[in-house]
């Protein structure tokens, strides 16, 4: 288990996650512009969430297209 930690508006939040998932979360937060060692504004966290939500929606659409394609075969 690894800790994922970030500070938002002066409050520090930490959570333990499985190693592989923690690595993914840390990398994704950093890719979204979240600083893991300094304070972040709430809008940065919202933008990071919306970035992931957009990716998830895109993946769902791709999966549905693949299912439709396979059903037609």
PDB file of N, CA and C in Angstrom:
ATOM      1  N   UNK A   1       0.843  -1.173   0.000  1.00  0.00           N
ATOM      2  CA  UNK A   1       0.000   0.000   0.000  1.00  0.00           C
ATOM      3  C   UNK A   1       0.895   1.246   0.000  1.00  0.00           C
ATOM      4  N   UNK A   2       0.446   2.252  -0.747  1.00  0.00           N
ATOM      5  CA  UNK A   2       1.163   3.514  -0.825  1.00  0.00           C
ATOM      6  C   UNK A   2       0.204   4.649  -0.496  1.00  0.00           C
ATOM      7  N   UNK A   3       0.767   5.743   0.013  1.00  0.00           N
ATOM      8  CA  UNK A   3      -0.023   6.937   0.280  1.00  0.00           C
ATOM      9  C   UNK A   3      -0.096   7.814  -0.957  1.00  0.00           C
ATOM     10  N   UNK A   4      -1.261   8.360  -1.192  1.00  0.00           N
ATOM     11  CA  UNK A   4      -1.450   9.422  -2.162  1.00  0.00           C
ATOM     12  C   UNK A   4      -1.850  10.633  -1.324  1.00  0.00           C
ATOM     13  N   UNK A   5      -1.104  11.731  -1.487  1.00  0.00           N
ATOM     14  CA  UNK A   5      -1.358  12.895  -0.650  1.00  0.00           C
ATOM     15  C   UNK A   5      -1.317  14.160  -1.489  1.00  0.00           C
ATOM     16  N   UNK A   6      -2.226  15.076  -1.171  1.00  0.00           N
ATOM     17  CA  UNK A   6      -2.208  16.386  -1.796  1.00  0.00           C
ATOM     18  C   UNK A   6      -2.848  17.389  -0.860  1.00  0.00           C
ATOM     19  N   UNK A   7      -2.510  18.641  -1.100  1.00  0.00           N
ATOM     20  CA  UNK A   7      -3.030  19.735  -0.287  1.00  0.00           C
ATOM     21  C   UNK A   7      -3.920  20.613  -1.146  1.00  0.00           C
ATOM     22  N   UNK A   8      -5.120  20.896  -0.631  1.00  0.00           N
ATOM     23  CA  UNK A   8      -6.078  21.749  -1.321  1.00  0.00           C
ATOM     24  C   UNK A   8      -6.539  22.821  -0.333  1.00  0.00           C
ATOM     25  N   UNK A   9      -6.342  24.068  -0.710  1.00  0.00           N
ATOM     26  CA  UNK A   9      -6.750  25.209   0.122  1.00  0.00           C
ATOM     27  C   UNK A   9      -6.255  25.081   1.566  1.00  0.00           C
ATOM     28  N   UNK A  10      -5.023  24.653   1.718  1.00  0.00           N
ATOM     29  CA  UNK A  10      -4.417  24.583   3.037  1.00  0.00           C
ATOM     30  C   UNK A  10      -4.703  23.319   3.830  1.00  0.00           C
ATOM     31  N   UNK A  11      -5.559  22.433   3.326  1.00  0.00           N
ATOM     32  CA  UNK A  11      -5.851  21.176   4.020  1.00  0.00           C
ATOM     33  C   UNK A  11      -5.147  20.034   3.307  1.00  0.00           C
ATOM     34  N   UNK A  12      -4.453  19.208   4.072  1.00  0.00           N
ATOM     35  CA  UNK A  12      -3.711  18.076   3.519  1.00  0.00           C
ATOM     36  C   UNK A  12      -4.582  16.829   3.588  1.00  0.00           C
ATOM     37  N   UNK A  13      -4.661  16.116   2.474  1.00  0.00           N
ATOM     38  CA  UNK A  13      -5.451  14.884   2.393  1.00  0.00           C
ATOM     39  C   UNK A  13      -4.532  13.742   2.007  1.00  0.00           C
ATOM     40  N   UNK A  14      -4.647  12.626   2.724  1.00  0.00           N
ATOM     41  CA  UNK A  14      -3.848  11.440   2.428  1.00  0.00           C
ATOM     42  C   UNK A  14      -4.764  10.218   2.412  1.00  0.00           C
ATOM     43  N   UNK A  15      -4.463   9.324   1.484  1.00  0.00           N
ATOM     44  CA  UNK A  15      -5.221   8.078   1.407  1.00  0.00           C
ATOM     45  C   UNK A  15      -4.274   6.965   0.988  1.00  0.00           C
ATOM     46  N   UNK A  16      -4.464   5.799   1.548  1.00  0.00           N
ATOM     47  CA  UNK A  16      -3.657   4.640   1.174  1.00  0.00           C
ATOM     48  C   UNK A  16      -4.354   3.891   0.051  1.00  0.00           C
ATOM     49  N   UNK A  17      -3.593   3.588  -0.990  1.00  0.00           N
ATOM     50  CA  UNK A  17      -4.113   2.841  -2.128  1.00  0.00           C
ATOM     51  C   UNK A  17      -3.148   1.715  -2.464  1.00  0.00           C
ATOM     52  N   UNK A  18      -3.641   0.737  -3.198  1.00  0.00           N
ATOM     53  CA  UNK A  18      -2.752  -0.321  -3.658  1.00  0.00           C
ATOM     54  C   UNK A  18      -1.661   0.307  -4.516  1.00  0.00           C
ATOM     55  N   UNK A  19      -0.470  -0.268  -4.456  1.00  0.00           N
ATOM     56  CA  UNK A  19       0.717   0.325  -5.079  1.00  0.00           C
ATOM     57  C   UNK A  19       0.506   0.756  -6.525  1.00  0.00           C
ATOM     58  N   UNK A  20       0.025  -0.149  -7.350  1.00  0.00           N
ATOM     59  CA  UNK A  20      -0.126   0.147  -8.771  1.00  0.00           C
ATOM     60  C   UNK A  20      -1.140   1.274  -9.013  1.00  0.00           C
ATOM     61  N   UNK A  21      -2.244   1.233  -8.280  1.00  0.00           N
ATOM     62  CA  UNK A  21      -3.259   2.267  -8.432  1.00  0.00           C
ATOM     63  C   UNK A  21      -2.744   3.609  -7.896  1.00  0.00           C
ATOM     64  N   UNK A  22      -2.005   3.580  -6.801  1.00  0.00           N
ATOM     65  CA  UNK A  22      -1.428   4.808  -6.246  1.00  0.00           C
ATOM     66  C   UNK A  22      -0.475   5.449  -7.247  1.00  0.00           C
ATOM     67  N   UNK A  23       0.336   4.634  -7.911  1.00  0.00           N
ATOM     68  CA  UNK A  23       1.245   5.160  -8.932  1.00  0.00           C
ATOM     69  C   UNK A  23       0.464   5.819 -10.066  1.00  0.00           C
ATOM     70  N   UNK A  24      -0.625   5.171 -10.497  1.00  0.00           N
ATOM     71  CA  UNK A  24      -1.468   5.736 -11.549  1.00  0.00           C
ATOM     72  C   UNK A  24      -2.058   7.070 -11.104  1.00  0.00           C
ATOM     73  N   UNK A  25      -2.616   7.116  -9.893  1.00  0.00           N
ATOM     74  CA  UNK A  25      -3.259   8.332  -9.387  1.00  0.00           C
ATOM     75  C   UNK A  25      -2.240   9.459  -9.272  1.00  0.00           C
ATOM     76  N   UNK A  26      -1.075   9.178  -8.710  1.00  0.00           N
ATOM     77  CA  UNK A  26      -0.043  10.205  -8.578  1.00  0.00           C
ATOM     78  C   UNK A  26       0.366  10.752  -9.937  1.00  0.00           C
ATOM     79  N   UNK A  27       0.579   9.870 -10.907  1.00  0.00           N
ATOM     80  CA  UNK A  27       0.987  10.307 -12.237  1.00  0.00           C
ATOM     81  C   UNK A  27      -0.126  11.121 -12.900  1.00  0.00           C
ATOM     82  N   UNK A  28      -1.360  10.657 -12.783  1.00  0.00           N
ATOM     83  CA  UNK A  28      -2.472  11.367 -13.407  1.00  0.00           C
ATOM     84  C   UNK A  28      -2.666  12.746 -12.783  1.00  0.00           C
ATOM     85  N   UNK A  29      -2.548  12.841 -11.461  1.00  0.00           N
ATOM     86  CA  UNK A  29      -2.664  14.146 -10.804  1.00  0.00           C
ATOM     87  C   UNK A  29      -1.572  15.089 -11.288  1.00  0.00           C
ATOM     88  N   UNK A  30      -0.356  14.582 -11.377  1.00  0.00           N
ATOM     89  CA  UNK A  30       0.747  15.417 -11.851  1.00  0.00           C
ATOM     90  C   UNK A  30       0.530  15.831 -13.302  1.00  0.00           C
ATOM     91  N   UNK A  31       0.078  14.894 -14.138  1.00  0.00           N
ATOM     92  CA  UNK A  31      -0.204  15.215 -15.543  1.00  0.00           C
ATOM     93  C   UNK A  31      -1.291  16.277 -15.681  1.00  0.00           C
ATOM     94  N   UNK A  32      -2.196  16.332 -14.701  1.00  0.00           N
ATOM     95  CA  UNK A  32      -3.292  17.297 -14.726  1.00  0.00           C
ATOM     96  C   UNK A  32      -2.893  18.637 -14.104  1.00  0.00           C
ATOM     97  N   UNK A  33      -1.637  18.752 -13.679  1.00  0.00           N
ATOM     98  CA  UNK A  33      -1.164  20.018 -13.125  1.00  0.00           C
ATOM     99  C   UNK A  33      -1.321  20.166 -11.626  1.00  0.00           C
ATOM    100  N   UNK A  34      -1.635  19.075 -10.948  1.00  0.00           N
ATOM    101  CA  UNK A  34      -1.751  19.105  -9.490  1.00  0.00           C
ATOM    102  C   UNK A  34      -0.360  18.942  -8.897  1.00  0.00           C
ATOM    103  N   UNK A  35      -0.009  19.847  -7.978  1.00  0.00           N
ATOM    104  CA  UNK A  35       1.279  19.754  -7.284  1.00  0.00           C
ATOM    105  C   UNK A  35       1.093  18.909  -6.033  1.00  0.00           C
ATOM    106  N   UNK A  36       1.839  17.824  -5.926  1.00  0.00           N
ATOM    107  CA  UNK A  36       1.668  16.918  -4.798  1.00  0.00           C
ATOM    108  C   UNK A  36       2.352  17.426  -3.533  1.00  0.00           C
ATOM    109  N   UNK A  37       3.289  18.363  -3.672  1.00  0.00           N
ATOM    110  CA  UNK A  37       4.056  18.822  -2.511  1.00  0.00           C
ATOM    111  C   UNK A  37       3.742  20.259  -2.100  1.00  0.00           C
ATOM    112  N   UNK A  38       2.843  20.921  -2.821  1.00  0.00           N
ATOM    113  CA  UNK A  38       2.471  22.286  -2.451  1.00  0.00           C
ATOM    114  C   UNK A  38       0.956  22.416  -2.490  1.00  0.00           C
ATOM    115  N   UNK A  39       0.482  23.551  -2.009  1.00  0.00           N
ATOM    116  CA  UNK A  39      -0.956  23.802  -1.944  1.00  0.00           C
ATOM    117  C   UNK A  39      -1.547  23.961  -3.351  1.00  0.00           C
ATOM    118  N   UNK A  40      -2.760  23.488  -3.535  1.00  0.00           N
ATOM    119  CA  UNK A  40      -3.480  23.595  -4.805  1.00  0.00           C
ATOM    120  C   UNK A  40      -4.805  24.304  -4.578  1.00  0.00           C
ATOM    121  N   UNK A  41      -5.243  25.015  -5.582  1.00  0.00           N
ATOM    122  CA  UNK A  41      -6.561  25.638  -5.527  1.00  0.00           C
ATOM    123  C   UNK A  41      -7.608  24.592  -5.923  1.00  0.00           C
ATOM    124  N   UNK A  42      -8.823  24.692  -5.389  1.00  0.00           N
ATOM    125  CA  UNK A  42      -9.872  23.720  -5.700  1.00  0.00           C
ATOM    126  C   UNK A  42     -10.167  23.589  -7.193  1.00  0.00           C
ATOM    127  N   UNK A  43     -10.040  24.686  -7.959  1.00  0.00           N
ATOM    128  CA  UNK A  43     -10.346  24.595  -9.388  1.00  0.00           C
ATOM    129  C   UNK A  43      -9.389  23.655 -10.115  1.00  0.00           C
ATOM    130  N   UNK A  44      -8.147  23.528  -9.628  1.00  0.00           N
ATOM    131  CA  UNK A  44      -7.208  22.588 -10.248  1.00  0.00           C
ATOM    132  C   UNK A  44      -7.681  21.146 -10.048  1.00  0.00           C
ATOM    133  N   UNK A  45      -8.200  20.862  -8.858  1.00  0.00           N
ATOM    134  CA  UNK A  45      -8.697  19.518  -8.574  1.00  0.00           C
ATOM    135  C   UNK A  45      -9.936  19.223  -9.413  1.00  0.00           C
ATOM    136  N   UNK A  46     -10.811  20.212  -9.564  1.00  0.00           N
ATOM    137  CA  UNK A  46     -11.990  20.046 -10.407  1.00  0.00           C
ATOM    138  C   UNK A  46     -11.580  19.781 -11.848  1.00  0.00           C
ATOM    139  N   UNK A  47     -10.609  20.529 -12.351  1.00  0.00           N
ATOM    140  CA  UNK A  47     -10.134  20.315 -13.727  1.00  0.00           C
ATOM    141  C   UNK A  47      -9.534  18.920 -13.889  1.00  0.00           C
ATOM    142  N   UNK A  48      -8.821  18.442 -12.880  1.00  0.00           N
ATOM    143  CA  UNK A  48      -8.249  17.093 -12.936  1.00  0.00           C
ATOM    144  C   UNK A  48      -9.364  16.050 -12.989  1.00  0.00           C
ATOM    145  N   UNK A  49     -10.408  16.240 -12.189  1.00  0.00           N
ATOM    146  CA  UNK A  49     -11.544  15.321 -12.209  1.00  0.00           C
ATOM    147  C   UNK A  49     -12.233  15.341 -13.572  1.00  0.00           C
ATOM    148  N   UNK A  50     -12.475  16.535 -14.113  1.00  0.00           N
ATOM    149  CA  UNK A  50     -13.161  16.642 -15.401  1.00  0.00           C
ATOM    150  C   UNK A  50     -12.333  16.013 -16.516  1.00  0.00           C
ATOM    151  N   UNK A  51     -11.015  16.116 -16.418  1.00  0.00           N
ATOM    152  CA  UNK A  51     -10.125  15.474 -17.392  1.00  0.00           C
ATOM    153  C   UNK A  51     -10.334  13.956 -17.382  1.00  0.00           C
ATOM    154  N   UNK A  52     -10.391  13.375 -16.180  1.00  0.00           N
ATOM    155  CA  UNK A  52     -10.614  11.932 -16.059  1.00  0.00           C
ATOM    156  C   UNK A  52     -12.021  11.543 -16.505  1.00  0.00           C
ATOM    157  N   UNK A  53     -13.002  12.372 -16.177  1.00  0.00           N
ATOM    158  CA  UNK A  53     -14.385  12.091 -16.586  1.00  0.00           C
ATOM    159  C   UNK A  53     -14.489  12.066 -18.107  1.00  0.00           C
ATOM    160  N   UNK A  54     -13.806  12.983 -18.769  1.00  0.00           N
ATOM    161  CA  UNK A  54     -13.814  13.012 -20.233  1.00  0.00           C
ATOM    162  C   UNK A  54     -13.174  11.749 -20.797  1.00  0.00           C
ATOM    163  N   UNK A  55     -12.054  11.325 -20.210  1.00  0.00           N
ATOM    164  CA  UNK A  55     -11.395  10.092 -20.656  1.00  0.00           C
ATOM    165  C   UNK A  55     -12.315   8.894 -20.470  1.00  0.00           C
ATOM    166  N   UNK A  56     -12.988   8.820 -19.337  1.00  0.00           N
ATOM    167  CA  UNK A  56     -13.881   7.692 -19.061  1.00  0.00           C
ATOM    168  C   UNK A  56     -15.029   7.652 -20.066  1.00  0.00           C
ATOM    169  N   UNK A  57     -15.582   8.809 -20.384  1.00  0.00           N
ATOM    170  CA  UNK A  57     -16.664   8.879 -21.365  1.00  0.00           C
ATOM    171  C   UNK A  57     -16.178   8.415 -22.734  1.00  0.00           C
ATOM    172  N   UNK A  58     -14.998   8.835 -23.096  1.00  0.00           N
ATOM    173  CA  UNK A  58     -14.414   8.432 -24.378  1.00  0.00           C
ATOM    174  C   UNK A  58     -14.210   6.923 -24.430  1.00  0.00           C
ATOM    175  N   UNK A  59     -13.707   6.354 -23.327  1.00  0.00           N
ATOM    176  CA  UNK A  59     -13.497   4.903 -23.281  1.00  0.00           C
ATOM    177  C   UNK A  59     -14.819   4.153 -23.400  1.00  0.00           C
ATOM    178  N   UNK A  60     -15.853   4.652 -22.725  1.00  0.00           N
ATOM    179  CA  UNK A  60     -17.168   4.016 -22.795  1.00  0.00           C
ATOM    180  C   UNK A  60     -17.701   4.030 -24.222  1.00  0.00           C
ATOM    181  N   UNK A  61     -17.527   5.157 -24.913  1.00  0.00           N
ATOM    182  CA  UNK A  61     -17.982   5.252 -26.301  1.00  0.00           C
ATOM    183  C   UNK A  61     -17.215   4.275 -27.189  1.00  0.00           C
ATOM    184  N   UNK A  62     -15.907   4.155 -26.969  1.00  0.00           N
ATOM    185  CA  UNK A  62     -15.096   3.219 -27.751  1.00  0.00           C
ATOM    186  C   UNK A  62     -15.524   1.776 -27.498  1.00  0.00           C
ATOM    187  N   UNK A  63     -15.813   1.454 -26.251  1.00  0.00           N
ATOM    188  CA  UNK A  63     -16.247   0.094 -25.902  1.00  0.00           C
ATOM    189  C   UNK A  63     -17.585  -0.214 -26.565  1.00  0.00           C
ATOM    190  N   UNK A  64     -18.512   0.740 -26.523  1.00  0.00           N
ATOM    191  CA  UNK A  64     -19.817   0.536 -27.173  1.00  0.00           C
ATOM    192  C   UNK A  64     -19.652   0.333 -28.678  1.00  0.00           C
ATOM    193  N   UNK A  65     -18.767   1.096 -29.304  1.00  0.00           N
ATOM    194  CA  UNK A  65     -18.510   0.946 -30.730  1.00  0.00           C
ATOM    195  C   UNK A  65     -17.918  -0.431 -31.019  1.00  0.00           C
ATOM    196  N   UNK A  66     -17.001  -0.887 -30.193  1.00  0.00           N
ATOM    197  CA  UNK A  66     -16.423  -2.230 -30.391  1.00  0.00           C
ATOM    198  C   UNK A  66     -17.481  -3.324 -30.233  1.00  0.00           C
ATOM    199  N   UNK A  67     -18.359  -3.159 -29.240  1.00  0.00           N
ATOM    200  CA  UNK A  67     -19.427  -4.144 -29.030  1.00  0.00           C
ATOM    201  C   UNK A  67     -20.346  -4.172 -30.246  1.00  0.00           C
ATOM    202  N   UNK A  68     -20.728  -2.998 -30.727  1.00  0.00           N
ATOM    203  CA  UNK A  68     -21.586  -2.929 -31.910  1.00  0.00           C
ATOM    204  C   UNK A  68     -20.904  -3.570 -33.124  1.00  0.00           C
ATOM    205  N   UNK A  69     -19.613  -3.324 -33.268  1.00  0.00           N
ATOM    206  CA  UNK A  69     -18.850  -3.906 -34.370  1.00  0.00           C
ATOM    207  C   UNK A  69     -18.808  -5.427 -34.257  1.00  0.00           C
ATOM    208  N   UNK A  70     -18.572  -5.928 -33.065  1.00  0.00           N
ATOM    209  CA  UNK A  70     -18.501  -7.381 -32.856  1.00  0.00           C
ATOM    210  C   UNK A  70     -19.873  -8.035 -33.054  1.00  0.00           C
ATOM    211  N   UNK A  71     -20.932  -7.334 -32.649  1.00  0.00           N
ATOM    212  CA  UNK A  71     -22.280  -7.863 -32.831  1.00  0.00           C
ATOM    213  C   UNK A  71     -22.611  -7.995 -34.316  1.00  0.00           C
ATOM    214  N   UNK A  72     -22.029  -7.116 -35.139  1.00  0.00           N
ATOM    215  CA  UNK A  72     -22.296  -7.144 -36.574  1.00  0.00           C
ATOM    216  C   UNK A  72     -21.485  -8.186 -37.321  1.00  0.00           C
ATOM    217  N   UNK A  73     -20.532  -8.827 -36.663  1.00  0.00           N
ATOM    218  CA  UNK A  73     -19.681  -9.818 -37.335  1.00  0.00           C
ATOM    219  C   UNK A  73     -20.336 -11.169 -37.349  1.00  0.00           C
TER     220      UNK A  73
END
